Amino acid sequence: MDHTKTYGYAENKQAIQKRLRRIEGQARGIAKMVEEDKYCVDILTQVSAAKAALDKVAVELIKDHARHCLSNDDIHSRSHEDKAEELAYAISRML
């Protein structure tokens, strides 16, 4: 039996990486806008879009975590209370 540690996002890893590369491009674009002295409201619009994209990544990670790491099949057999506490902690980190 293979006990290689995998995380809940393993199945979505490529999609998450693709989103993060897109966000990285957005951040470079924002830096270029500042460098080129673009209108601040336009920059703020792009910052908002990048934050929303990061939020979507975070939500996907939390969903994957809940589905995989907190499932009843978890080999660590923690109590429901421990799993609920871990999920609440993960959500609070996101907020």
PDB file of N, CA and C in Angstrom:
ATOM      1  N   MET A   1       0.851  -1.191   0.000  1.00  0.00           N
ATOM      2  CA  MET A   1       0.000   0.000   0.000  1.00  0.00           C
ATOM      3  C   MET A   1       0.889   1.245   0.000  1.00  0.00           C
ATOM      4  N   ASP A   2       0.592   2.166  -0.864  1.00  0.00           N
ATOM      5  CA  ASP A   2       1.366   3.398  -0.987  1.00  0.00           C
ATOM      6  C   ASP A   2       0.856   4.425   0.019  1.00  0.00           C
ATOM      7  N   HIS A   3       1.723   4.848   0.931  1.00  0.00           N
ATOM      8  CA  HIS A   3       1.340   5.837   1.949  1.00  0.00           C
ATOM      9  C   HIS A   3       1.905   7.220   1.629  1.00  0.00           C
ATOM     10  N   THR A   4       2.183   7.467   0.351  1.00  0.00           N
ATOM     11  CA  THR A   4       2.657   8.778  -0.063  1.00  0.00           C
ATOM     12  C   THR A   4       1.596   9.804   0.310  1.00  0.00           C
ATOM     13  N   LYS A   5       2.048  10.852   0.959  1.00  0.00           N
ATOM     14  CA  LYS A   5       1.107  11.873   1.422  1.00  0.00           C
ATOM     15  C   LYS A   5       0.590  12.688   0.243  1.00  0.00           C
ATOM     16  N   THR A   6      -0.724  12.716   0.103  1.00  0.00           N
ATOM     17  CA  THR A   6      -1.341  13.572  -0.899  1.00  0.00           C
ATOM     18  C   THR A   6      -2.321  14.486  -0.190  1.00  0.00           C
ATOM     19  N   TYR A   7      -2.544  15.608  -0.788  1.00  0.00           N
ATOM     20  CA  TYR A   7      -3.462  16.575  -0.205  1.00  0.00           C
ATOM     21  C   TYR A   7      -4.731  16.615  -1.039  1.00  0.00           C
ATOM     22  N   GLY A   8      -5.754  17.214  -0.471  1.00  0.00           N
ATOM     23  CA  GLY A   8      -7.060  17.233  -1.098  1.00  0.00           C
ATOM     24  C   GLY A   8      -7.093  17.873  -2.464  1.00  0.00           C
ATOM     25  N   TYR A   9      -6.160  18.754  -2.741  1.00  0.00           N
ATOM     26  CA  TYR A   9      -6.153  19.445  -4.029  1.00  0.00           C
ATOM     27  C   TYR A   9      -5.420  18.666  -5.113  1.00  0.00           C
ATOM     28  N   ALA A  10      -4.944  17.466  -4.796  1.00  0.00           N
ATOM     29  CA  ALA A  10      -4.141  16.693  -5.754  1.00  0.00           C
ATOM     30  C   ALA A  10      -4.854  16.513  -7.087  1.00  0.00           C
ATOM     31  N   GLU A  11      -6.158  16.235  -7.055  1.00  0.00           N
ATOM     32  CA  GLU A  11      -6.909  16.030  -8.294  1.00  0.00           C
ATOM     33  C   GLU A  11      -7.067  17.315  -9.089  1.00  0.00           C
ATOM     34  N   ASN A  12      -7.057  18.462  -8.414  1.00  0.00           N
ATOM     35  CA  ASN A  12      -7.249  19.765  -9.066  1.00  0.00           C
ATOM     36  C   ASN A  12      -5.957  20.560  -9.180  1.00  0.00           C
ATOM     37  N   LYS A  13      -4.829  19.923  -8.895  1.00  0.00           N
ATOM     38  CA  LYS A  13      -3.559  20.642  -8.824  1.00  0.00           C
ATOM     39  C   LYS A  13      -3.253  21.433 -10.094  1.00  0.00           C
ATOM     40  N   GLN A  14      -3.424  20.810 -11.254  1.00  0.00           N
ATOM     41  CA  GLN A  14      -3.101  21.510 -12.508  1.00  0.00           C
ATOM     42  C   GLN A  14      -4.020  22.710 -12.727  1.00  0.00           C
ATOM     43  N   ALA A  15      -5.293  22.559 -12.418  1.00  0.00           N
ATOM     44  CA  ALA A  15      -6.240  23.670 -12.587  1.00  0.00           C
ATOM     45  C   ALA A  15      -5.901  24.806 -11.623  1.00  0.00           C
ATOM     46  N   ILE A  16      -5.528  24.460 -10.403  1.00  0.00           N
ATOM     47  CA  ILE A  16      -5.151  25.472  -9.413  1.00  0.00           C
ATOM     48  C   ILE A  16      -3.887  26.195  -9.868  1.00  0.00           C
ATOM     49  N   GLN A  17      -2.905  25.442 -10.350  1.00  0.00           N
ATOM     50  CA  GLN A  17      -1.672  26.062 -10.830  1.00  0.00           C
ATOM     51  C   GLN A  17      -1.949  26.993 -12.007  1.00  0.00           C
ATOM     52  N   LYS A  18      -2.846  26.586 -12.892  1.00  0.00           N
ATOM     53  CA  LYS A  18      -3.200  27.426 -14.034  1.00  0.00           C
ATOM     54  C   LYS A  18      -3.826  28.737 -13.562  1.00  0.00           C
ATOM     55  N   ARG A  19      -4.740  28.641 -12.586  1.00  0.00           N
ATOM     56  CA  ARG A  19      -5.364  29.851 -12.038  1.00  0.00           C
ATOM     57  C   ARG A  19      -4.322  30.751 -11.389  1.00  0.00           C
ATOM     58  N   LEU A  20      -3.403  30.148 -10.645  1.00  0.00           N
ATOM     59  CA  LEU A  20      -2.382  30.939  -9.960  1.00  0.00           C
ATOM     60  C   LEU A  20      -1.450  31.630 -10.950  1.00  0.00           C
ATOM     61  N   ARG A  21      -1.134  30.962 -12.042  1.00  0.00           N
ATOM     62  CA  ARG A  21      -0.307  31.619 -13.079  1.00  0.00           C
ATOM     63  C   ARG A  21      -1.048  32.804 -13.690  1.00  0.00           C
ATOM     64  N   ARG A  22      -2.365  32.645 -13.878  1.00  0.00           N
ATOM     65  CA  ARG A  22      -3.170  33.743 -14.408  1.00  0.00           C
ATOM     66  C   ARG A  22      -3.162  34.915 -13.426  1.00  0.00           C
ATOM     67  N   ILE A  23      -3.293  34.611 -12.145  1.00  0.00           N
ATOM     68  CA  ILE A  23      -3.270  35.657 -11.103  1.00  0.00           C
ATOM     69  C   ILE A  23      -1.906  36.330 -11.061  1.00  0.00           C
ATOM     70  N   GLU A  24      -0.865  35.538 -11.229  1.00  0.00           N
ATOM     71  CA  GLU A  24       0.489  36.089 -11.276  1.00  0.00           C
ATOM     72  C   GLU A  24       0.610  37.094 -12.422  1.00  0.00           C
ATOM     73  N   GLY A  25       0.016  36.761 -13.565  1.00  0.00           N
ATOM     74  CA  GLY A  25       0.004  37.679 -14.704  1.00  0.00           C
ATOM     75  C   GLY A  25      -0.780  38.939 -14.392  1.00  0.00           C
ATOM     76  N   GLN A  26      -1.903  38.768 -13.675  1.00  0.00           N
ATOM     77  CA  GLN A  26      -2.689  39.941 -13.276  1.00  0.00           C
ATOM     78  C   GLN A  26      -1.853  40.857 -12.382  1.00  0.00           C
ATOM     79  N   ALA A  27      -1.121  40.266 -11.449  1.00  0.00           N
ATOM     80  CA  ALA A  27      -0.302  41.071 -10.529  1.00  0.00           C
ATOM     81  C   ALA A  27       0.788  41.822 -11.297  1.00  0.00           C
ATOM     82  N   ARG A  28       1.405  41.157 -12.261  1.00  0.00           N
ATOM     83  CA  ARG A  28       2.406  41.854 -13.087  1.00  0.00           C
ATOM     84  C   ARG A  28       1.756  42.991 -13.871  1.00  0.00           C
ATOM     85  N   GLY A  29       0.544  42.753 -14.358  1.00  0.00           N
ATOM     86  CA  GLY A  29      -0.181  43.795 -15.083  1.00  0.00           C
ATOM     87  C   GLY A  29      -0.491  44.986 -14.202  1.00  0.00           C
ATOM     88  N   ILE A  30      -0.846  44.722 -12.963  1.00  0.00           N
ATOM     89  CA  ILE A  30      -1.128  45.809 -12.008  1.00  0.00           C
ATOM     90  C   ILE A  30       0.146  46.606 -11.749  1.00  0.00           C
ATOM     91  N   ALA A  31       1.261  45.902 -11.556  1.00  0.00           N
ATOM     92  CA  ALA A  31       2.536  46.594 -11.325  1.00  0.00           C
ATOM     93  C   ALA A  31       2.890  47.483 -12.523  1.00  0.00           C
ATOM     94  N   LYS A  32       2.633  46.976 -13.719  1.00  0.00           N
ATOM     95  CA  LYS A  32       2.917  47.761 -14.929  1.00  0.00           C
ATOM     96  C   LYS A  32       2.019  48.991 -14.994  1.00  0.00           C
ATOM     97  N   MET A  33       0.753  48.834 -14.583  1.00  0.00           N
ATOM     98  CA  MET A  33      -0.167  49.972 -14.578  1.00  0.00           C
ATOM     99  C   MET A  33       0.343  51.070 -13.640  1.00  0.00           C
ATOM    100  N   VAL A  34       0.845  50.667 -12.487  1.00  0.00           N
ATOM    101  CA  VAL A  34       1.390  51.640 -11.531  1.00  0.00           C
ATOM    102  C   VAL A  34       2.626  52.296 -12.130  1.00  0.00           C
ATOM    103  N   GLU A  35       3.486  51.476 -12.709  1.00  0.00           N
ATOM    104  CA  GLU A  35       4.708  51.998 -13.326  1.00  0.00           C
ATOM    105  C   GLU A  35       4.380  53.019 -14.412  1.00  0.00           C
ATOM    106  N   GLU A  36       3.304  52.783 -15.152  1.00  0.00           N
ATOM    107  CA  GLU A  36       2.911  53.663 -16.248  1.00  0.00           C
ATOM    108  C   GLU A  36       1.969  54.778 -15.812  1.00  0.00           C
ATOM    109  N   ASP A  37       1.799  54.934 -14.496  1.00  0.00           N
ATOM    110  CA  ASP A  37       0.967  56.000 -13.933  1.00  0.00           C
ATOM    111  C   ASP A  37      -0.461  55.986 -14.460  1.00  0.00           C
ATOM    112  N   LYS A  38      -1.064  54.806 -14.505  1.00  0.00           N
ATOM    113  CA  LYS A  38      -2.453  54.687 -14.955  1.00  0.00           C
ATOM    114  C   LYS A  38      -3.392  55.240 -13.891  1.00  0.00           C
ATOM    115  N   TYR A  39      -4.610  55.481 -14.290  1.00  0.00           N
ATOM    116  CA  TYR A  39      -5.644  56.046 -13.415  1.00  0.00           C
ATOM    117  C   TYR A  39      -5.891  55.095 -12.241  1.00  0.00           C
ATOM    118  N   CYS A  40      -5.913  55.654 -11.021  1.00  0.00           N
ATOM    119  CA  CYS A  40      -5.987  54.820  -9.816  1.00  0.00           C
ATOM    120  C   CYS A  40      -7.249  53.961  -9.755  1.00  0.00           C
ATOM    121  N   VAL A  41      -8.364  54.449 -10.243  1.00  0.00           N
ATOM    122  CA  VAL A  41      -9.600  53.654 -10.217  1.00  0.00           C
ATOM    123  C   VAL A  41      -9.454  52.423 -11.124  1.00  0.00           C
ATOM    124  N   ASP A  42      -8.775  52.582 -12.241  1.00  0.00           N
ATOM    125  CA  ASP A  42      -8.529  51.447 -13.125  1.00  0.00           C
ATOM    126  C   ASP A  42      -7.623  50.415 -12.441  1.00  0.00           C
ATOM    127  N   ILE A  43      -6.637  50.897 -11.719  1.00  0.00           N
ATOM    128  CA  ILE A  43      -5.745  49.994 -10.985  1.00  0.00           C
ATOM    129  C   ILE A  43      -6.529  49.257  -9.897  1.00  0.00           C
ATOM    130  N   LEU A  44      -7.350  49.990  -9.172  1.00  0.00           N
ATOM    131  CA  LEU A  44      -8.159  49.372  -8.120  1.00  0.00           C
ATOM    132  C   LEU A  44      -9.103  48.313  -8.684  1.00  0.00           C
ATOM    133  N   THR A  45      -9.621  48.545  -9.856  1.00  0.00           N
ATOM    134  CA  THR A  45     -10.482  47.552 -10.507  1.00  0.00           C
ATOM    135  C   THR A  45      -9.708  46.258 -10.749  1.00  0.00           C
ATOM    136  N   GLN A  46      -8.479  46.395 -11.194  1.00  0.00           N
ATOM    137  CA  GLN A  46      -7.650  45.210 -11.442  1.00  0.00           C
ATOM    138  C   GLN A  46      -7.239  44.520 -10.134  1.00  0.00           C
ATOM    139  N   VAL A  47      -6.978  45.302  -9.105  1.00  0.00           N
ATOM    140  CA  VAL A  47      -6.663  44.727  -7.793  1.00  0.00           C
ATOM    141  C   VAL A  47      -7.855  43.916  -7.287  1.00  0.00           C
ATOM    142  N   SER A  48      -9.040  44.469  -7.451  1.00  0.00           N
ATOM    143  CA  SER A  48     -10.259  43.777  -7.036  1.00  0.00           C
ATOM    144  C   SER A  48     -10.433  42.458  -7.798  1.00  0.00           C
ATOM    145  N   ALA A  49     -10.153  42.477  -9.088  1.00  0.00           N
ATOM    146  CA  ALA A  49     -10.266  41.269  -9.905  1.00  0.00           C
ATOM    147  C   ALA A  49      -9.259  40.209  -9.447  1.00  0.00           C
ATOM    148  N   ALA A  50      -8.048  40.634  -9.130  1.00  0.00           N
ATOM    149  CA  ALA A  50      -7.024  39.694  -8.664  1.00  0.00           C
ATOM    150  C   ALA A  50      -7.413  39.100  -7.305  1.00  0.00           C
ATOM    151  N   LYS A  51      -7.944  39.940  -6.415  1.00  0.00           N
ATOM    152  CA  LYS A  51      -8.395  39.435  -5.115  1.00  0.00           C
ATOM    153  C   LYS A  51      -9.519  38.427  -5.277  1.00  0.00           C
ATOM    154  N   ALA A  52     -10.442  38.708  -6.179  1.00  0.00           N
ATOM    155  CA  ALA A  52     -11.559  37.780  -6.423  1.00  0.00           C
ATOM    156  C   ALA A  52     -11.032  36.449  -6.961  1.00  0.00           C
ATOM    157  N   ALA A  53     -10.049  36.517  -7.825  1.00  0.00           N
ATOM    158  CA  ALA A  53      -9.467  35.289  -8.375  1.00  0.00           C
ATOM    159  C   ALA A  53      -8.770  34.481  -7.280  1.00  0.00           C
ATOM    160  N   LEU A  54      -8.065  35.157  -6.391  1.00  0.00           N
ATOM    161  CA  LEU A  54      -7.426  34.462  -5.259  1.00  0.00           C
ATOM    162  C   LEU A  54      -8.467  33.852  -4.327  1.00  0.00           C
ATOM    163  N   ASP A  55      -9.565  34.576  -4.121  1.00  0.00           N
ATOM    164  CA  ASP A  55     -10.648  34.041  -3.291  1.00  0.00           C
ATOM    165  C   ASP A  55     -11.210  32.752  -3.890  1.00  0.00           C
ATOM    166  N   LYS A  56     -11.333  32.703  -5.207  1.00  0.00           N
ATOM    167  CA  LYS A  56     -11.837  31.497  -5.860  1.00  0.00           C
ATOM    168  C   LYS A  56     -10.884  30.328  -5.662  1.00  0.00           C
ATOM    169  N   VAL A  57      -9.591  30.591  -5.726  1.00  0.00           N
ATOM    170  CA  VAL A  57      -8.601  29.539  -5.461  1.00  0.00           C
ATOM    171  C   VAL A  57      -8.750  29.054  -4.018  1.00  0.00           C
ATOM    172  N   ALA A  58      -8.893  29.987  -3.090  1.00  0.00           N
ATOM    173  CA  ALA A  58      -9.029  29.617  -1.675  1.00  0.00           C
ATOM    174  C   ALA A  58     -10.278  28.767  -1.443  1.00  0.00           C
ATOM    175  N   VAL A  59     -11.378  29.141  -2.064  1.00  0.00           N
ATOM    176  CA  VAL A  59     -12.619  28.368  -1.904  1.00  0.00           C
ATOM    177  C   VAL A  59     -12.440  26.960  -2.468  1.00  0.00           C
ATOM    178  N   GLU A  60     -11.787  26.844  -3.608  1.00  0.00           N
ATOM    179  CA  GLU A  60     -11.530  25.517  -4.183  1.00  0.00           C
ATOM    180  C   GLU A  60     -10.673  24.679  -3.242  1.00  0.00           C
ATOM    181  N   LEU A  61      -9.647  25.291  -2.661  1.00  0.00           N
ATOM    182  CA  LEU A  61      -8.786  24.565  -1.726  1.00  0.00           C
ATOM    183  C   LEU A  61      -9.560  24.111  -0.492  1.00  0.00           C
ATOM    184  N   ILE A  62     -10.437  24.950   0.006  1.00  0.00           N
ATOM    185  CA  ILE A  62     -11.243  24.575   1.162  1.00  0.00           C
ATOM    186  C   ILE A  62     -12.197  23.444   0.805  1.00  0.00           C
ATOM    187  N   LYS A  63     -12.821  23.532  -0.369  1.00  0.00           N
ATOM    188  CA  LYS A  63     -13.711  22.443  -0.799  1.00  0.00           C
ATOM    189  C   LYS A  63     -12.937  21.136  -0.917  1.00  0.00           C
ATOM    190  N   ASP A  64     -11.765  21.198  -1.531  1.00  0.00           N
ATOM    191  CA  ASP A  64     -10.949  19.996  -1.671  1.00  0.00           C
ATOM    192  C   ASP A  64     -10.525  19.466  -0.309  1.00  0.00           C
ATOM    193  N   HIS A  65     -10.181  20.362   0.588  1.00  0.00           N
ATOM    194  CA  HIS A  65      -9.775  19.970   1.937  1.00  0.00           C
ATOM    195  C   HIS A  65     -10.932  19.267   2.660  1.00  0.00           C
ATOM    196  N   ALA A  66     -12.105  19.853   2.569  1.00  0.00           N
ATOM    197  CA  ALA A  66     -13.273  19.258   3.226  1.00  0.00           C
ATOM    198  C   ALA A  66     -13.589  17.898   2.625  1.00  0.00           C
ATOM    199  N   ARG A  67     -13.502  17.797   1.325  1.00  0.00           N
ATOM    200  CA  ARG A  67     -13.837  16.555   0.637  1.00  0.00           C
ATOM    201  C   ARG A  67     -12.822  15.454   0.940  1.00  0.00           C
ATOM    202  N   HIS A  68     -11.554  15.791   0.969  1.00  0.00           N
ATOM    203  CA  HIS A  68     -10.493  14.790   1.101  1.00  0.00           C
ATOM    204  C   HIS A  68      -9.994  14.634   2.540  1.00  0.00           C
ATOM    205  N   CYS A  69      -9.514  15.708   3.092  1.00  0.00           N
ATOM    206  CA  CYS A  69      -8.826  15.638   4.375  1.00  0.00           C
ATOM    207  C   CYS A  69      -9.775  15.449   5.559  1.00  0.00           C
ATOM    208  N   LEU A  70     -11.013  15.847   5.402  1.00  0.00           N
ATOM    209  CA  LEU A  70     -11.951  15.758   6.512  1.00  0.00           C
ATOM    210  C   LEU A  70     -12.996  14.674   6.300  1.00  0.00           C
ATOM    211  N   SER A  71     -12.808  13.855   5.278  1.00  0.00           N
ATOM    212  CA  SER A  71     -13.786  12.809   4.986  1.00  0.00           C
ATOM    213  C   SER A  71     -13.760  11.725   6.053  1.00  0.00           C
ATOM    214  N   ASN A  72     -14.771  10.896   6.053  1.00  0.00           N
ATOM    215  CA  ASN A  72     -14.841   9.781   6.997  1.00  0.00           C
ATOM    216  C   ASN A  72     -13.762   8.747   6.727  1.00  0.00           C
ATOM    217  N   ASP A  73     -13.176   8.772   5.547  1.00  0.00           N
ATOM    218  CA  ASP A  73     -12.131   7.818   5.181  1.00  0.00           C
ATOM    219  C   ASP A  73     -10.747   8.279   5.625  1.00  0.00           C
ATOM    220  N   ASP A  74     -10.683   9.387   6.313  1.00  0.00           N
ATOM    221  CA  ASP A  74      -9.412   9.947   6.755  1.00  0.00           C
ATOM    222  C   ASP A  74      -8.677   8.926   7.620  1.00  0.00           C
ATOM    223  N   ILE A  75      -7.435   8.623   7.253  1.00  0.00           N
ATOM    224  CA  ILE A  75      -6.680   7.608   7.980  1.00  0.00           C
ATOM    225  C   ILE A  75      -6.303   8.047   9.389  1.00  0.00           C
ATOM    226  N   HIS A  76      -6.422   9.318   9.683  1.00  0.00           N
ATOM    227  CA  HIS A  76      -6.057   9.805  11.010  1.00  0.00           C
ATOM    228  C   HIS A  76      -7.202   9.653  12.004  1.00  0.00           C
ATOM    229  N   SER A  77      -8.372   9.256  11.545  1.00  0.00           N
ATOM    230  CA  SER A  77      -9.582   9.010  12.346  1.00  0.00           C
ATOM    231  C   SER A  77      -9.741  10.000  13.506  1.00  0.00           C
ATOM    232  N   ARG A  78      -9.890  11.242  13.159  1.00  0.00           N
ATOM    233  CA  ARG A  78     -10.136  12.281  14.154  1.00  0.00           C
ATOM    234  C   ARG A  78     -11.633  12.398  14.399  1.00  0.00           C
ATOM    235  N   SER A  79     -11.985  12.998  15.513  1.00  0.00           N
ATOM    236  CA  SER A  79     -13.398  13.166  15.846  1.00  0.00           C
ATOM    237  C   SER A  79     -14.041  14.196  14.922  1.00  0.00           C
ATOM    238  N   HIS A  80     -15.367  14.157  14.856  1.00  0.00           N
ATOM    239  CA  HIS A  80     -16.092  15.152  14.061  1.00  0.00           C
ATOM    240  C   HIS A  80     -15.807  16.551  14.581  1.00  0.00           C
ATOM    241  N   GLU A  81     -15.674  16.689  15.891  1.00  0.00           N
ATOM    242  CA  GLU A  81     -15.395  18.000  16.476  1.00  0.00           C
ATOM    243  C   GLU A  81     -14.031  18.514  16.020  1.00  0.00           C
ATOM    244  N   ASP A  82     -13.030  17.623  15.997  1.00  0.00           N
ATOM    245  CA  ASP A  82     -11.699  18.022  15.547  1.00  0.00           C
ATOM    246  C   ASP A  82     -11.715  18.432  14.078  1.00  0.00           C
ATOM    247  N   LYS A  83     -12.454  17.674  13.273  1.00  0.00           N
ATOM    248  CA  LYS A  83     -12.546  17.987  11.848  1.00  0.00           C
ATOM    249  C   LYS A  83     -13.269  19.318  11.629  1.00  0.00           C
ATOM    250  N   ALA A  84     -14.337  19.550  12.388  1.00  0.00           N
ATOM    251  CA  ALA A  84     -15.077  20.811  12.272  1.00  0.00           C
ATOM    252  C   ALA A  84     -14.187  21.980  12.688  1.00  0.00           C
ATOM    253  N   GLU A  85     -13.415  21.787  13.736  1.00  0.00           N
ATOM    254  CA  GLU A  85     -12.500  22.833  14.211  1.00  0.00           C
ATOM    255  C   GLU A  85     -11.440  23.134  13.154  1.00  0.00           C
ATOM    256  N   GLU A  86     -10.918  22.106  12.520  1.00  0.00           N
ATOM    257  CA  GLU A  86      -9.910  22.293  11.481  1.00  0.00           C
ATOM    258  C   GLU A  86     -10.490  23.044  10.284  1.00  0.00           C
ATOM    259  N   LEU A  87     -11.720  22.697   9.889  1.00  0.00           N
ATOM    260  CA  LEU A  87     -12.362  23.390   8.771  1.00  0.00           C
ATOM    261  C   LEU A  87     -12.621  24.857   9.119  1.00  0.00           C
ATOM    262  N   ALA A  88     -13.097  25.106  10.336  1.00  0.00           N
ATOM    263  CA  ALA A  88     -13.343  26.486  10.768  1.00  0.00           C
ATOM    264  C   ALA A  88     -12.033  27.277  10.778  1.00  0.00           C
ATOM    265  N   TYR A  89     -10.953  26.650  11.216  1.00  0.00           N
ATOM    266  CA  TYR A  89      -9.640  27.309  11.225  1.00  0.00           C
ATOM    267  C   TYR A  89      -9.207  27.650   9.797  1.00  0.00           C
ATOM    268  N   ALA A  90      -9.401  26.702   8.875  1.00  0.00           N
ATOM    269  CA  ALA A  90      -9.021  26.940   7.483  1.00  0.00           C
ATOM    270  C   ALA A  90      -9.813  28.109   6.896  1.00  0.00           C
ATOM    271  N   ILE A  91     -11.105  28.152   7.186  1.00  0.00           N
ATOM    272  CA  ILE A  91     -11.935  29.240   6.691  1.00  0.00           C
ATOM    273  C   ILE A  91     -11.514  30.569   7.312  1.00  0.00           C
ATOM    274  N   SER A  92     -11.214  30.556   8.607  1.00  0.00           N
ATOM    275  CA  SER A  92     -10.802  31.810   9.268  1.00  0.00           C
ATOM    276  C   SER A  92      -9.478  32.315   8.698  1.00  0.00           C
ATOM    277  N   ARG A  93      -8.597  31.407   8.289  1.00  0.00           N
ATOM    278  CA  ARG A  93      -7.334  31.834   7.666  1.00  0.00           C
ATOM    279  C   ARG A  93      -7.609  32.527   6.333  1.00  0.00           C
ATOM    280  N   MET A  94      -8.613  32.040   5.631  1.00  0.00           N
ATOM    281  CA  MET A  94      -8.959  32.628   4.343  1.00  0.00           C
ATOM    282  C   MET A  94      -9.538  34.021   4.516  1.00  0.00           C
ATOM    283  N   LEU A  95     -10.312  34.211   5.568  1.00  0.00           N
ATOM    284  CA  LEU A  95     -10.956  35.499   5.789  1.00  0.00           C
ATOM    285  C   LEU A  95      -9.964  36.482   6.348  1.00  0.00           C
TER     286      LEU A  95
END
